[in-house]
Amino acid sequence: MIRLFRILFLCLAVAVAAAPAAAGPATENQPHGQQTAGPDHNGTIGKALALVQQGKPDEAEQLLLQALALTPDPAEVYYQLGRVYEQRGDSVKAIAAFKEGIKIHEQGRRTSR
């Protein structure tokens, strides 16, 4: 079940990344092709992934929860949270995080059309 959510989430992410030209014209708040995440967003995710590899999923979770409050596009953060929960064996939290990431991702696609 968790694998299915991960696959769905990755498919959605690939579809959005591959179709920036189809997203429509630029808006005043977000020019076409501009990343919505803050400058530290990817760095925070990278640090969290490193913590997971070091066997520190609890620290990674805390870092990702902080990133949720800082990023205007939290779908990727929810995906990484899902992976952390999956690694810890908490499938309920993992599925909830994957579902939330997919929901936010889909809402963003609807509002950008």
C-alpha atoms as a PDB file:
ATOM      1  CA  MET A   1       0.000   0.000   0.000  1.00  0.00           C
ATOM      2  CA  ILE A   2       2.770   2.422   0.930  1.00  0.00           C
ATOM      3  CA  ARG A   3       4.616   1.557  -2.261  1.00  0.00           C
ATOM      4  CA  LEU A   4       1.516   2.496  -4.263  1.00  0.00           C
ATOM      5  CA  PHE A   5       1.367   5.939  -2.649  1.00  0.00           C
ATOM      6  CA  ARG A   6       5.067   6.483  -3.289  1.00  0.00           C
ATOM      7  CA  ILE A   7       4.638   5.533  -6.942  1.00  0.00           C
ATOM      8  CA  LEU A   8       1.613   7.822  -7.335  1.00  0.00           C
ATOM      9  CA  PHE A   9       3.428  10.703  -5.700  1.00  0.00           C
ATOM     10  CA  LEU A  10       6.512  10.254  -7.875  1.00  0.00           C
ATOM     11  CA  CYS A  11       4.384  10.075 -11.034  1.00  0.00           C
ATOM     12  CA  LEU A  12       2.680  13.346 -10.123  1.00  0.00           C
ATOM     13  CA  ALA A  13       5.997  15.018  -9.363  1.00  0.00           C
ATOM     14  CA  VAL A  14       7.493  13.883 -12.681  1.00  0.00           C
ATOM     15  CA  ALA A  15       4.435  15.069 -14.595  1.00  0.00           C
ATOM     16  CA  VAL A  16       4.663  18.543 -13.092  1.00  0.00           C
ATOM     17  CA  ALA A  17       8.418  18.802 -13.552  1.00  0.00           C
ATOM     18  CA  ALA A  18       8.165  17.730 -17.177  1.00  0.00           C
ATOM     19  CA  ALA A  19       5.390  20.146 -18.087  1.00  0.00           C
ATOM     20  CA  PRO A  20       6.351  23.671 -16.958  1.00  0.00           C
ATOM     21  CA  ALA A  21       5.455  25.091 -20.373  1.00  0.00           C
ATOM     22  CA  ALA A  22       1.963  23.636 -20.119  1.00  0.00           C
ATOM     23  CA  ALA A  23       1.367  25.371 -16.794  1.00  0.00           C
ATOM     24  CA  GLY A  24       0.203  28.520 -18.527  1.00  0.00           C
ATOM     25  CA  PRO A  25       1.418  32.084 -18.484  1.00  0.00           C
ATOM     26  CA  ALA A  26       3.330  33.615 -15.635  1.00  0.00           C
ATOM     27  CA  THR A  27       1.440  35.303 -12.862  1.00  0.00           C
ATOM     28  CA  GLU A  28       2.412  38.372 -10.914  1.00  0.00           C
ATOM     29  CA  ASN A  29       3.080  36.310  -7.781  1.00  0.00           C
ATOM     30  CA  GLN A  30       4.933  33.451  -9.467  1.00  0.00           C
ATOM     31  CA  PRO A  31       6.763  33.982 -12.745  1.00  0.00           C
ATOM     32  CA  HIS A  32       6.691  31.057 -15.153  1.00  0.00           C
ATOM     33  CA  GLY A  33       9.226  28.378 -14.268  1.00  0.00           C
ATOM     34  CA  GLN A  34      10.147  29.909 -10.916  1.00  0.00           C
ATOM     35  CA  GLN A  35      10.601  27.566  -7.973  1.00  0.00           C
ATOM     36  CA  THR A  36       8.127  28.185  -5.157  1.00  0.00           C
ATOM     37  CA  ALA A  37      10.295  26.782  -2.402  1.00  0.00           C
ATOM     38  CA  GLY A  38      12.441  29.046  -0.296  1.00  0.00           C
ATOM     39  CA  PRO A  39      16.212  29.083  -0.711  1.00  0.00           C
ATOM     40  CA  ASP A  40      16.764  26.668   2.188  1.00  0.00           C
ATOM     41  CA  HIS A  41      14.027  24.215   1.187  1.00  0.00           C
ATOM     42  CA  ASN A  42      16.245  21.795  -0.742  1.00  0.00           C
ATOM     43  CA  GLY A  43      19.057  22.162   1.770  1.00  0.00           C
ATOM     44  CA  THR A  44      16.716  21.218   4.596  1.00  0.00           C
ATOM     45  CA  ILE A  45      15.475  18.162   2.743  1.00  0.00           C
ATOM     46  CA  GLY A  46      19.054  17.169   1.983  1.00  0.00           C
ATOM     47  CA  LYS A  47      19.985  17.465   5.659  1.00  0.00           C
ATOM     48  CA  ALA A  48      16.957  15.376   6.614  1.00  0.00           C
ATOM     49  CA  LEU A  49      17.896  12.671   4.094  1.00  0.00           C
ATOM     50  CA  ALA A  50      21.434  12.614   5.479  1.00  0.00           C
ATOM     51  CA  LEU A  51      20.036  12.173   8.989  1.00  0.00           C
ATOM     52  CA  VAL A  52      17.939   9.233   7.790  1.00  0.00           C
ATOM     53  CA  GLN A  53      21.043   7.615   6.260  1.00  0.00           C
ATOM     54  CA  GLN A  54      22.853   8.140   9.564  1.00  0.00           C
ATOM     55  CA  GLY A  55      20.091   6.223  11.340  1.00  0.00           C
ATOM     56  CA  LYS A  56      18.531   9.319  12.927  1.00  0.00           C
ATOM     57  CA  PRO A  57      14.941   9.293  11.615  1.00  0.00           C
ATOM     58  CA  ASP A  58      13.588  11.147  14.654  1.00  0.00           C
ATOM     59  CA  GLU A  59      15.907  14.093  13.988  1.00  0.00           C
ATOM     60  CA  ALA A  60      15.014  13.957  10.293  1.00  0.00           C
ATOM     61  CA  GLU A  61      11.323  14.071  11.180  1.00  0.00           C
ATOM     62  CA  GLN A  62      11.808  17.180  13.332  1.00  0.00           C
ATOM     63  CA  LEU A  63      13.753  18.922  10.577  1.00  0.00           C
ATOM     64  CA  LEU A  64      11.081  18.095   7.985  1.00  0.00           C
ATOM     65  CA  LEU A  65       8.291  19.266  10.301  1.00  0.00           C
ATOM     66  CA  GLN A  66      10.129  22.585  10.624  1.00  0.00           C
ATOM     67  CA  ALA A  67      10.476  22.746   6.834  1.00  0.00           C
ATOM     68  CA  LEU A  68       6.694  22.382   6.479  1.00  0.00           C
ATOM     69  CA  ALA A  69       6.246  25.720   8.219  1.00  0.00           C
ATOM     70  CA  LEU A  70       8.818  27.427   5.979  1.00  0.00           C
ATOM     71  CA  THR A  71       7.968  26.267   2.481  1.00  0.00           C
ATOM     72  CA  PRO A  72       5.094  27.467   0.314  1.00  0.00           C
ATOM     73  CA  ASP A  73       5.174  24.106  -1.549  1.00  0.00           C
ATOM     74  CA  PRO A  74       5.154  21.352   1.081  1.00  0.00           C
ATOM     75  CA  ALA A  75       4.331  18.371  -1.169  1.00  0.00           C
ATOM     76  CA  GLU A  76       7.989  17.266  -1.377  1.00  0.00           C
ATOM     77  CA  VAL A  77       8.365  17.637   2.391  1.00  0.00           C
ATOM     78  CA  TYR A  78       5.336  15.411   2.980  1.00  0.00           C
ATOM     79  CA  TYR A  79       6.827  12.833   0.611  1.00  0.00           C
ATOM     80  CA  GLN A  80      10.083  12.797   2.571  1.00  0.00           C
ATOM     81  CA  LEU A  81       8.162  12.611   5.857  1.00  0.00           C
ATOM     82  CA  GLY A  82       6.341   9.598   4.469  1.00  0.00           C
ATOM     83  CA  ARG A  83       9.667   7.960   3.697  1.00  0.00           C
ATOM     84  CA  VAL A  84      10.896   8.651   7.245  1.00  0.00           C
ATOM     85  CA  TYR A  85       7.748   7.143   8.745  1.00  0.00           C
ATOM     86  CA  GLU A  86       8.006   4.189   6.382  1.00  0.00           C
ATOM     87  CA  GLN A  87      11.588   3.554   7.485  1.00  0.00           C
ATOM     88  CA  ARG A  88      10.483   3.626  11.136  1.00  0.00           C
ATOM     89  CA  GLY A  89       7.764   1.090  10.354  1.00  0.00           C
ATOM     90  CA  ASP A  90       4.875   3.489  11.005  1.00  0.00           C
ATOM     91  CA  SER A  91       2.766   2.718   7.948  1.00  0.00           C
ATOM     92  CA  VAL A  92      -0.248   4.701   9.205  1.00  0.00           C
ATOM     93  CA  LYS A  93       1.746   7.934   9.436  1.00  0.00           C
ATOM     94  CA  ALA A  94       3.594   7.156   6.187  1.00  0.00           C
ATOM     95  CA  ILE A  95       0.351   6.722   4.234  1.00  0.00           C
ATOM     96  CA  ALA A  96      -1.113   9.872   5.806  1.00  0.00           C
ATOM     97  CA  ALA A  97       1.974  11.892   4.806  1.00  0.00           C
ATOM     98  CA  PHE A  98       1.939  10.528   1.242  1.00  0.00           C
ATOM     99  CA  LYS A  99      -1.792  11.271   0.931  1.00  0.00           C
ATOM    100  CA  GLU A 100      -1.310  14.830   2.205  1.00  0.00           C
ATOM    101  CA  GLY A 101       1.530  15.411  -0.250  1.00  0.00           C
ATOM    102  CA  ILE A 102      -0.585  14.145  -3.139  1.00  0.00           C
ATOM    103  CA  LYS A 103      -3.555  16.273  -2.030  1.00  0.00           C
ATOM    104  CA  ILE A 104      -1.453  19.431  -1.806  1.00  0.00           C
ATOM    105  CA  HIS A 105       0.211  18.669  -5.111  1.00  0.00           C
ATOM    106  CA  GLU A 106      -3.157  18.233  -6.827  1.00  0.00           C
ATOM    107  CA  GLN A 107      -4.551  21.429  -5.262  1.00  0.00           C
ATOM    108  CA  GLY A 108      -1.565  23.346  -6.580  1.00  0.00           C
ATOM    109  CA  ARG A 109      -2.095  21.985 -10.077  1.00  0.00           C
ATOM    110  CA  ARG A 110      -5.771  23.016 -10.025  1.00  0.00           C
ATOM    111  CA  THR A 111      -4.993  26.568  -8.914  1.00  0.00           C
ATOM    112  CA  SER A 112      -2.227  27.038 -11.483  1.00  0.00           C
ATOM    113  CA  ARG A 113      -4.525  26.326 -14.425  1.00  0.00           C
END
